[in-house]
């Protein structure tokens, strides 16, 4: 059953476009977060082996990647928010 059957086509199209934009943004943020954490872990393990001081590099880089990941998420979400069109003007109801 189509739940959007009683809505005008323009409203249904806007909702579908917004849903797709939201889904793409969430997937992109998730993948970028996994990528940043993966690179940080690999680099931390390699530096720990290279310098022989165990997990210190890994822990330090993971803690340091938190603000980087947050900044990347902020930039991605702000760019995605630019793609959201403003809502149509509300119709005035006169009784």
C-alpha atoms as a PDB file:
ATOM      1  CA  UNK A   1       0.000   0.000   0.000  1.00  0.00           C
ATOM      2  CA  UNK A   2       1.300   3.444  -0.863  1.00  0.00           C
ATOM      3  CA  UNK A   3       1.121   5.697   2.176  1.00  0.00           C
ATOM      4  CA  UNK A   4       1.861   8.735   0.055  1.00  0.00           C
ATOM      5  CA  UNK A   5      -1.199   8.202  -2.133  1.00  0.00           C
ATOM      6  CA  UNK A   6      -3.157  11.023  -0.553  1.00  0.00           C
ATOM      7  CA  UNK A   7      -0.346  13.583  -0.854  1.00  0.00           C
ATOM      8  CA  UNK A   8       0.380  15.721  -3.871  1.00  0.00           C
ATOM      9  CA  UNK A   9       3.174  14.467  -6.103  1.00  0.00           C
ATOM     10  CA  UNK A  10       5.425  17.423  -5.279  1.00  0.00           C
ATOM     11  CA  UNK A  11       5.292  16.712  -1.542  1.00  0.00           C
ATOM     12  CA  UNK A  12       5.931  13.002  -2.069  1.00  0.00           C
ATOM     13  CA  UNK A  13       8.888  13.749  -4.338  1.00  0.00           C
ATOM     14  CA  UNK A  14      10.357  16.157  -1.777  1.00  0.00           C
ATOM     15  CA  UNK A  15      10.019  13.537   0.954  1.00  0.00           C
ATOM     16  CA  UNK A  16      11.655  10.832  -1.158  1.00  0.00           C
ATOM     17  CA  UNK A  17      14.494  13.178  -2.136  1.00  0.00           C
ATOM     18  CA  UNK A  18      15.018  14.150   1.493  1.00  0.00           C
ATOM     19  CA  UNK A  19      15.015  10.497   2.571  1.00  0.00           C
ATOM     20  CA  UNK A  20      17.607   9.603  -0.065  1.00  0.00           C
ATOM     21  CA  UNK A  21      19.774  12.565   0.952  1.00  0.00           C
ATOM     22  CA  UNK A  22      19.542  11.576   4.609  1.00  0.00           C
ATOM     23  CA  UNK A  23      20.411   7.941   3.860  1.00  0.00           C
ATOM     24  CA  UNK A  24      23.392   8.904   1.668  1.00  0.00           C
ATOM     25  CA  UNK A  25      24.673  11.289   4.326  1.00  0.00           C
ATOM     26  CA  UNK A  26      24.401   8.688   7.077  1.00  0.00           C
ATOM     27  CA  UNK A  27      26.212   6.072   4.981  1.00  0.00           C
ATOM     28  CA  UNK A  28      28.941   8.551   4.027  1.00  0.00           C
ATOM     29  CA  UNK A  29      29.501   9.630   7.646  1.00  0.00           C
ATOM     30  CA  UNK A  30      29.658   5.996   8.764  1.00  0.00           C
ATOM     31  CA  UNK A  31      32.121   4.999   6.061  1.00  0.00           C
ATOM     32  CA  UNK A  32      34.355   8.011   6.699  1.00  0.00           C
ATOM     33  CA  UNK A  33      34.364   7.253  10.428  1.00  0.00           C
ATOM     34  CA  UNK A  34      35.361   3.616   9.800  1.00  0.00           C
ATOM     35  CA  UNK A  35      38.046   4.774   7.360  1.00  0.00           C
ATOM     36  CA  UNK A  36      39.533   7.277   9.818  1.00  0.00           C
ATOM     37  CA  UNK A  37      39.527   4.759  12.684  1.00  0.00           C
ATOM     38  CA  UNK A  38      41.020   2.041  10.456  1.00  0.00           C
ATOM     39  CA  UNK A  39      43.847   4.268   9.240  1.00  0.00           C
ATOM     40  CA  UNK A  40      44.471   5.412  12.802  1.00  0.00           C
ATOM     41  CA  UNK A  41      44.652   1.834  14.085  1.00  0.00           C
ATOM     42  CA  UNK A  42      46.947   0.691  11.281  1.00  0.00           C
ATOM     43  CA  UNK A  43      49.255   3.672  11.736  1.00  0.00           C
ATOM     44  CA  UNK A  44      49.255   3.236  15.538  1.00  0.00           C
ATOM     45  CA  UNK A  45      50.138  -0.456  15.322  1.00  0.00           C
ATOM     46  CA  UNK A  46      52.875   0.220  12.789  1.00  0.00           C
ATOM     47  CA  UNK A  47      54.394   3.050  14.851  1.00  0.00           C
ATOM     48  CA  UNK A  48      54.154   0.925  18.015  1.00  0.00           C
ATOM     49  CA  UNK A  49      56.072  -1.884  16.312  1.00  0.00           C
ATOM     50  CA  UNK A  50      58.561   0.461  14.702  1.00  0.00           C
ATOM     51  CA  UNK A  51      59.463   2.272  17.914  1.00  0.00           C
ATOM     52  CA  UNK A  52      58.871  -0.706  20.218  1.00  0.00           C
ATOM     53  CA  UNK A  53      56.703   1.041  22.784  1.00  0.00           C
ATOM     54  CA  UNK A  54      53.533  -1.052  22.527  1.00  0.00           C
ATOM     55  CA  UNK A  55      50.076   0.428  22.352  1.00  0.00           C
ATOM     56  CA  UNK A  56      51.008   4.000  23.272  1.00  0.00           C
ATOM     57  CA  UNK A  57      50.911   5.205  19.664  1.00  0.00           C
ATOM     58  CA  UNK A  58      47.642   3.435  18.967  1.00  0.00           C
ATOM     59  CA  UNK A  59      45.906   4.862  22.028  1.00  0.00           C
ATOM     60  CA  UNK A  60      47.280   8.346  21.417  1.00  0.00           C
ATOM     61  CA  UNK A  61      46.269   8.367  17.765  1.00  0.00           C
ATOM     62  CA  UNK A  62      42.803   7.022  18.535  1.00  0.00           C
ATOM     63  CA  UNK A  63      42.233   9.758  21.098  1.00  0.00           C
ATOM     64  CA  UNK A  64      43.594  12.302  18.635  1.00  0.00           C
ATOM     65  CA  UNK A  65      41.320  11.048  15.871  1.00  0.00           C
ATOM     66  CA  UNK A  66      38.181  11.926  17.833  1.00  0.00           C
ATOM     67  CA  UNK A  67      38.261  15.653  16.960  1.00  0.00           C
ATOM     68  CA  UNK A  68      39.261  14.836  13.378  1.00  0.00           C
ATOM     69  CA  UNK A  69      36.304  12.486  12.972  1.00  0.00           C
ATOM     70  CA  UNK A  70      33.961  15.019  14.562  1.00  0.00           C
ATOM     71  CA  UNK A  71      35.169  17.771  12.230  1.00  0.00           C
ATOM     72  CA  UNK A  72      34.770  15.517   9.177  1.00  0.00           C
ATOM     73  CA  UNK A  73      31.235  14.609  10.253  1.00  0.00           C
ATOM     74  CA  UNK A  74      30.380  18.277  10.744  1.00  0.00           C
ATOM     75  CA  UNK A  75      31.652  19.219   7.275  1.00  0.00           C
ATOM     76  CA  UNK A  76      29.824  16.349   5.563  1.00  0.00           C
ATOM     77  CA  UNK A  77      26.535  17.070   7.307  1.00  0.00           C
ATOM     78  CA  UNK A  78      26.785  20.815   6.603  1.00  0.00           C
ATOM     79  CA  UNK A  79      27.381  20.130   2.906  1.00  0.00           C
ATOM     80  CA  UNK A  80      24.442  17.753   2.830  1.00  0.00           C
ATOM     81  CA  UNK A  81      22.248  20.314   4.584  1.00  0.00           C
ATOM     82  CA  UNK A  82      22.913  22.753   1.756  1.00  0.00           C
ATOM     83  CA  UNK A  83      21.193  20.312  -0.578  1.00  0.00           C
ATOM     84  CA  UNK A  84      17.925  20.400   1.365  1.00  0.00           C
ATOM     85  CA  UNK A  85      15.500  22.774  -0.327  1.00  0.00           C
ATOM     86  CA  UNK A  86      13.531  25.115   1.919  1.00  0.00           C
ATOM     87  CA  UNK A  87       9.999  24.037   2.742  1.00  0.00           C
ATOM     88  CA  UNK A  88       7.225  25.478   0.608  1.00  0.00           C
ATOM     89  CA  UNK A  89       5.354  28.405   2.110  1.00  0.00           C
ATOM     90  CA  UNK A  90       2.509  27.338   4.339  1.00  0.00           C
ATOM     91  CA  UNK A  91      -0.971  28.018   3.061  1.00  0.00           C
ATOM     92  CA  UNK A  92      -2.884  30.440   5.239  1.00  0.00           C
ATOM     93  CA  UNK A  93      -6.112  29.075   6.635  1.00  0.00           C
ATOM     94  CA  UNK A  94      -8.931  31.534   6.940  1.00  0.00           C
ATOM     95  CA  UNK A  95     -12.045  30.580   8.842  1.00  0.00           C
END
